[in-house]
C-alpha atoms as a PDB file:
ATOM      1  CA  MET A   1      -2.327 -39.592   4.193  1.00  0.00           C
ATOM      2  CA  ASN A   2       0.909 -38.718   3.064  1.00  0.00           C
ATOM      3  CA  TYR A   3       2.435 -35.438   2.604  1.00  0.00           C
ATOM      4  CA  PRO A   4       5.223 -34.214   0.562  1.00  0.00           C
ATOM      5  CA  ILE A   5       8.257 -33.752   2.267  1.00  0.00           C
ATOM      6  CA  ALA A   6       8.315 -29.759   1.042  1.00  0.00           C
ATOM      7  CA  TRP A   7       4.766 -29.823   2.889  1.00  0.00           C
ATOM      8  CA  PRO A   8       6.316 -27.895   5.687  1.00  0.00           C
ATOM      9  CA  TYR A   9       7.650 -25.384   3.760  1.00  0.00           C
ATOM     10  CA  ILE A  10       5.002 -25.069   1.440  1.00  0.00           C
ATOM     11  CA  GLN A  11       2.876 -23.670   4.424  1.00  0.00           C
ATOM     12  CA  ASP A  12       5.610 -21.665   5.660  1.00  0.00           C
ATOM     13  CA  VAL A  13       5.051 -20.056   2.451  1.00  0.00           C
ATOM     14  CA  ARG A  14       1.774 -19.911   2.081  1.00  0.00           C
ATOM     15  CA  LYS A  15       1.596 -18.293   5.668  1.00  0.00           C
ATOM     16  CA  GLN A  16       3.928 -15.721   4.680  1.00  0.00           C
ATOM     17  CA  ASN A  17       1.974 -14.510   1.523  1.00  0.00           C
ATOM     18  CA  LEU A  18      -1.084 -14.495   4.061  1.00  0.00           C
ATOM     19  CA  GLN A  19       1.031 -12.253   6.456  1.00  0.00           C
ATOM     20  CA  GLY A  20       2.190 -10.402   3.600  1.00  0.00           C
ATOM     21  CA  ALA A  21      -1.239  -9.283   2.057  1.00  0.00           C
ATOM     22  CA  ALA A  22      -2.140  -8.285   5.521  1.00  0.00           C
ATOM     23  CA  MET A  23       0.459  -6.037   5.654  1.00  0.00           C
ATOM     24  CA  SER A  24      -0.459  -5.233   2.075  1.00  0.00           C
ATOM     25  CA  LEU A  25      -3.667  -4.415   3.009  1.00  0.00           C
ATOM     26  CA  GLU A  26      -2.724  -2.142   5.705  1.00  0.00           C
ATOM     27  CA  LYS A  27      -0.074  -0.040   3.879  1.00  0.00           C
ATOM     28  CA  ARG A  28      -3.111   0.463   1.087  1.00  0.00           C
ATOM     29  CA  VAL A  29      -5.024   1.870   3.943  1.00  0.00           C
ATOM     30  CA  LYS A  30      -3.037   3.871   5.324  1.00  0.00           C
ATOM     31  CA  ALA A  31      -1.697   5.069   1.959  1.00  0.00           C
ATOM     32  CA  THR A  32      -5.573   6.024   1.020  1.00  0.00           C
ATOM     33  CA  ALA A  33      -5.688   7.723   4.244  1.00  0.00           C
ATOM     34  CA  LYS A  34      -2.940  10.057   3.421  1.00  0.00           C
ATOM     35  CA  ASN A  35      -4.325  10.714  -0.273  1.00  0.00           C
ATOM     36  CA  ILE A  36      -7.436  11.805   1.735  1.00  0.00           C
ATOM     37  CA  GLU A  37      -5.354  13.830   3.969  1.00  0.00           C
ATOM     38  CA  GLY A  38      -3.250  15.406   1.013  1.00  0.00           C
ATOM     39  CA  LYS A  39      -6.563  16.325  -0.769  1.00  0.00           C
ATOM     40  CA  ILE A  40      -8.305  18.243   2.031  1.00  0.00           C
ATOM     41  CA  GLN A  41      -4.516  19.877   2.281  1.00  0.00           C
ATOM     42  CA  GLU A  42      -4.392  21.028  -1.390  1.00  0.00           C
ATOM     43  CA  ALA A  43      -8.166  22.314  -1.199  1.00  0.00           C
ATOM     44  CA  VAL A  44      -7.650  23.966   2.179  1.00  0.00           C
ATOM     45  CA  GLY A  45      -4.368  26.097   0.466  1.00  0.00           C
ATOM     46  CA  GLU A  46      -6.654  26.444  -2.589  1.00  0.00           C
ATOM     47  CA  LEU A  47      -9.315  28.134  -0.531  1.00  0.00           C
ATOM     48  CA  THR A  48      -6.991  30.147   1.673  1.00  0.00           C
ATOM     49  CA  GLY A  49      -4.459  31.248  -1.145  1.00  0.00           C
ATOM     50  CA  ASP A  50      -1.761  29.424   0.764  1.00  0.00           C
ATOM     51  CA  PRO A  51       0.590  27.796  -1.915  1.00  0.00           C
ATOM     52  CA  LEU A  52       2.939  25.956   0.292  1.00  0.00           C
ATOM     53  CA  ALA A  53      -0.450  24.357   1.706  1.00  0.00           C
ATOM     54  CA  LYS A  54      -1.362  23.589  -1.738  1.00  0.00           C
ATOM     55  CA  GLU A  55       2.049  22.109  -2.922  1.00  0.00           C
ATOM     56  CA  GLU A  56       2.604  19.823   0.525  1.00  0.00           C
ATOM     57  CA  GLY A  57      -1.207  18.446  -0.302  1.00  0.00           C
ATOM     58  CA  LYS A  58      -0.429  17.380  -3.771  1.00  0.00           C
ATOM     59  CA  ALA A  59       3.372  15.832  -2.515  1.00  0.00           C
ATOM     60  CA  LYS A  60       1.231  13.991  -0.067  1.00  0.00           C
ATOM     61  CA  GLN A  61      -1.260  13.038  -2.909  1.00  0.00           C
ATOM     62  CA  THR A  62       1.934  11.696  -4.875  1.00  0.00           C
ATOM     63  CA  GLU A  63       3.604   9.922  -1.665  1.00  0.00           C
ATOM     64  CA  ALA A  64       0.396   7.952  -1.455  1.00  0.00           C
ATOM     65  CA  ALA A  65      -0.018   6.375  -4.958  1.00  0.00           C
ATOM     66  CA  VAL A  66       3.609   5.734  -4.875  1.00  0.00           C
ATOM     67  CA  SER A  67       2.777   3.525  -2.014  1.00  0.00           C
ATOM     68  CA  HIS A  68      -0.336   1.983  -4.032  1.00  0.00           C
ATOM     69  CA  THR A  69       2.187   1.470  -6.574  1.00  0.00           C
ATOM     70  CA  ILE A  70       4.894  -0.315  -4.316  1.00  0.00           C
ATOM     71  CA  GLU A  71       1.877  -2.415  -3.146  1.00  0.00           C
ATOM     72  CA  ASP A  72       0.717  -3.399  -6.614  1.00  0.00           C
ATOM     73  CA  VAL A  73       4.072  -4.427  -7.624  1.00  0.00           C
ATOM     74  CA  LYS A  74       4.161  -7.208  -4.362  1.00  0.00           C
ATOM     75  CA  ASP A  75       0.679  -8.135  -5.004  1.00  0.00           C
ATOM     76  CA  GLU A  76       1.691  -9.363  -8.653  1.00  0.00           C
ATOM     77  CA  VAL A  77       5.314 -11.029  -7.152  1.00  0.00           C
ATOM     78  CA  ARG A  78       3.078 -13.069  -4.914  1.00  0.00           C
ATOM     79  CA  LYS A  79       0.481 -14.161  -7.429  1.00  0.00           C
ATOM     80  CA  LYS A  80       3.921 -15.462  -9.584  1.00  0.00           C
ATOM     81  CA  LEU A  81       4.680 -17.211  -6.419  1.00  0.00           C
ATOM     82  CA  ASP A  82       1.135 -18.801  -5.939  1.00  0.00           C
END
């Protein structure tokens, strides 16, 4: 079977995309965990009347949302490259 000269390059790009997708999944899991942590911290702050804990919880949720958005953009770029 004759492969085009660019075949090694194509294989390398596919390998990088798979590694990137795996990294994206790992980052999404971490962002989801941070979001859950933030929701819990916000709820604890609400229950205890601690405004600082409540705000820190909201900040963690925002950080998680930003992380998810970044991963969404990366996924879209990967789709365009495939």
